[in-house]
Amino acid sequence: MAEEGKGAQSKEESPELSPTKKWINRVIGLAGFLFLVFLIYKMVVNKLG
Protein backbone atom coordinates (compact mmCIF):
# COMPACT_ATOMS: atom_id res chain seq x y z
CA MET A 1 0.00 0.00 0.00
CA ALA A 2 2.84 2.40 0.82
CA GLU A 3 4.35 1.85 -2.64
CA GLU A 4 1.06 2.67 -4.34
CA GLY A 5 0.83 5.95 -2.44
CA LYS A 6 4.36 6.91 -3.46
CA GLY A 7 3.62 6.16 -7.10
CA ALA A 8 0.48 8.30 -7.06
CA GLN A 9 2.38 11.16 -5.43
CA SER A 10 5.21 11.18 -7.96
CA LYS A 11 2.68 11.12 -10.82
CA GLU A 12 0.74 14.12 -9.48
CA GLU A 13 3.80 16.25 -8.70
CA SER A 14 3.72 18.30 -11.90
CA PRO A 15 4.88 21.94 -11.59
CA GLU A 16 1.40 23.29 -12.37
CA LEU A 17 -0.53 21.25 -9.76
CA SER A 18 2.05 21.34 -6.97
CA PRO A 19 1.39 24.81 -5.44
CA THR A 20 -2.39 24.48 -5.68
CA LYS A 21 -2.33 20.99 -4.22
CA LYS A 22 -0.05 22.15 -1.41
CA TRP A 23 -2.50 24.97 -0.60
CA ILE A 24 -5.53 22.64 -0.71
CA ASN A 25 -3.76 20.10 1.53
CA ARG A 26 -2.88 22.89 3.96
CA VAL A 27 -6.51 24.05 4.11
CA ILE A 28 -7.79 20.48 4.61
CA GLY A 29 -5.19 19.83 7.30
CA LEU A 30 -6.06 23.07 9.09
CA ALA A 31 -9.79 22.28 8.94
CA GLY A 32 -9.18 18.80 10.36
CA PHE A 33 -6.96 20.21 13.11
CA LEU A 34 -9.56 22.84 14.08
CA PHE A 35 -12.26 20.15 14.09
CA LEU A 36 -10.18 17.98 16.44
CA VAL A 37 -9.53 20.94 18.75
CA PHE A 38 -13.26 21.70 18.75
CA LEU A 39 -14.12 18.09 19.67
CA ILE A 40 -11.55 18.02 22.48
CA TYR A 41 -12.85 21.38 23.74
CA LYS A 42 -16.43 20.06 23.80
CA MET A 43 -15.33 16.93 25.68
CA VAL A 44 -13.46 19.01 28.28
CA VAL A 45 -16.42 21.38 28.72
CA ASN A 46 -18.80 18.43 29.13
CA LYS A 47 -16.55 16.85 31.79
CA LEU A 48 -16.13 20.10 33.72
CA GLY A 49 -19.77 21.17 33.37
C-alpha atoms as a PDB file:
ATOM      1  CA  MET A   1       0.000   0.000   0.000  1.00  0.00           C
ATOM      2  CA  ALA A   2       2.844   2.398   0.819  1.00  0.00           C
ATOM      3  CA  GLU A   3       4.353   1.846  -2.637  1.00  0.00           C
ATOM      4  CA  GLU A   4       1.060   2.670  -4.343  1.00  0.00           C
ATOM      5  CA  GLY A   5       0.832   5.948  -2.440  1.00  0.00           C
ATOM      6  CA  LYS A   6       4.359   6.914  -3.456  1.00  0.00           C
ATOM      7  CA  GLY A   7       3.617   6.157  -7.102  1.00  0.00           C
ATOM      8  CA  ALA A   8       0.485   8.302  -7.056  1.00  0.00           C
ATOM      9  CA  GLN A   9       2.383  11.162  -5.426  1.00  0.00           C
ATOM     10  CA  SER A  10       5.213  11.179  -7.957  1.00  0.00           C
ATOM     11  CA  LYS A  11       2.678  11.125 -10.824  1.00  0.00           C
ATOM     12  CA  GLU A  12       0.738  14.121  -9.477  1.00  0.00           C
ATOM     13  CA  GLU A  13       3.803  16.251  -8.703  1.00  0.00           C
ATOM     14  CA  SER A  14       3.717  18.295 -11.903  1.00  0.00           C
ATOM     15  CA  PRO A  15       4.877  21.941 -11.587  1.00  0.00           C
ATOM     16  CA  GLU A  16       1.398  23.289 -12.367  1.00  0.00           C
ATOM     17  CA  LEU A  17      -0.534  21.252  -9.765  1.00  0.00           C
ATOM     18  CA  SER A  18       2.054  21.341  -6.970  1.00  0.00           C
ATOM     19  CA  PRO A  19       1.389  24.812  -5.438  1.00  0.00           C
ATOM     20  CA  THR A  20      -2.390  24.483  -5.682  1.00  0.00           C
ATOM     21  CA  LYS A  21      -2.330  20.987  -4.218  1.00  0.00           C
ATOM     22  CA  LYS A  22      -0.054  22.147  -1.405  1.00  0.00           C
ATOM     23  CA  TRP A  23      -2.500  24.974  -0.596  1.00  0.00           C
ATOM     24  CA  ILE A  24      -5.527  22.641  -0.706  1.00  0.00           C
ATOM     25  CA  ASN A  25      -3.758  20.103   1.529  1.00  0.00           C
ATOM     26  CA  ARG A  26      -2.882  22.893   3.960  1.00  0.00           C
ATOM     27  CA  VAL A  27      -6.515  24.052   4.112  1.00  0.00           C
ATOM     28  CA  ILE A  28      -7.793  20.482   4.612  1.00  0.00           C
ATOM     29  CA  GLY A  29      -5.194  19.834   7.304  1.00  0.00           C
ATOM     30  CA  LEU A  30      -6.064  23.075   9.088  1.00  0.00           C
ATOM     31  CA  ALA A  31      -9.791  22.284   8.942  1.00  0.00           C
ATOM     32  CA  GLY A  32      -9.185  18.803  10.359  1.00  0.00           C
ATOM     33  CA  PHE A  33      -6.964  20.214  13.108  1.00  0.00           C
ATOM     34  CA  LEU A  34      -9.558  22.839  14.077  1.00  0.00           C
ATOM     35  CA  PHE A  35     -12.264  20.151  14.092  1.00  0.00           C
ATOM     36  CA  LEU A  36     -10.176  17.982  16.437  1.00  0.00           C
ATOM     37  CA  VAL A  37      -9.525  20.942  18.748  1.00  0.00           C
ATOM     38  CA  PHE A  38     -13.260  21.695  18.747  1.00  0.00           C
ATOM     39  CA  LEU A  39     -14.125  18.091  19.668  1.00  0.00           C
ATOM     40  CA  ILE A  40     -11.553  18.023  22.482  1.00  0.00           C
ATOM     41  CA  TYR A  41     -12.853  21.380  23.738  1.00  0.00           C
ATOM     42  CA  LYS A  42     -16.427  20.058  23.798  1.00  0.00           C
ATOM     43  CA  MET A  43     -15.328  16.933  25.682  1.00  0.00           C
ATOM     44  CA  VAL A  44     -13.457  19.010  28.279  1.00  0.00           C
ATOM     45  CA  VAL A  45     -16.416  21.384  28.720  1.00  0.00           C
ATOM     46  CA  ASN A  46     -18.797  18.429  29.132  1.00  0.00           C
ATOM     47  CA  LYS A  47     -16.550  16.845  31.788  1.00  0.00           C
ATOM     48  CA  LEU A  48     -16.135  20.100  33.718  1.00  0.00           C
ATOM     49  CA  GLY A  49     -19.775  21.173  33.366  1.00  0.00           C
END
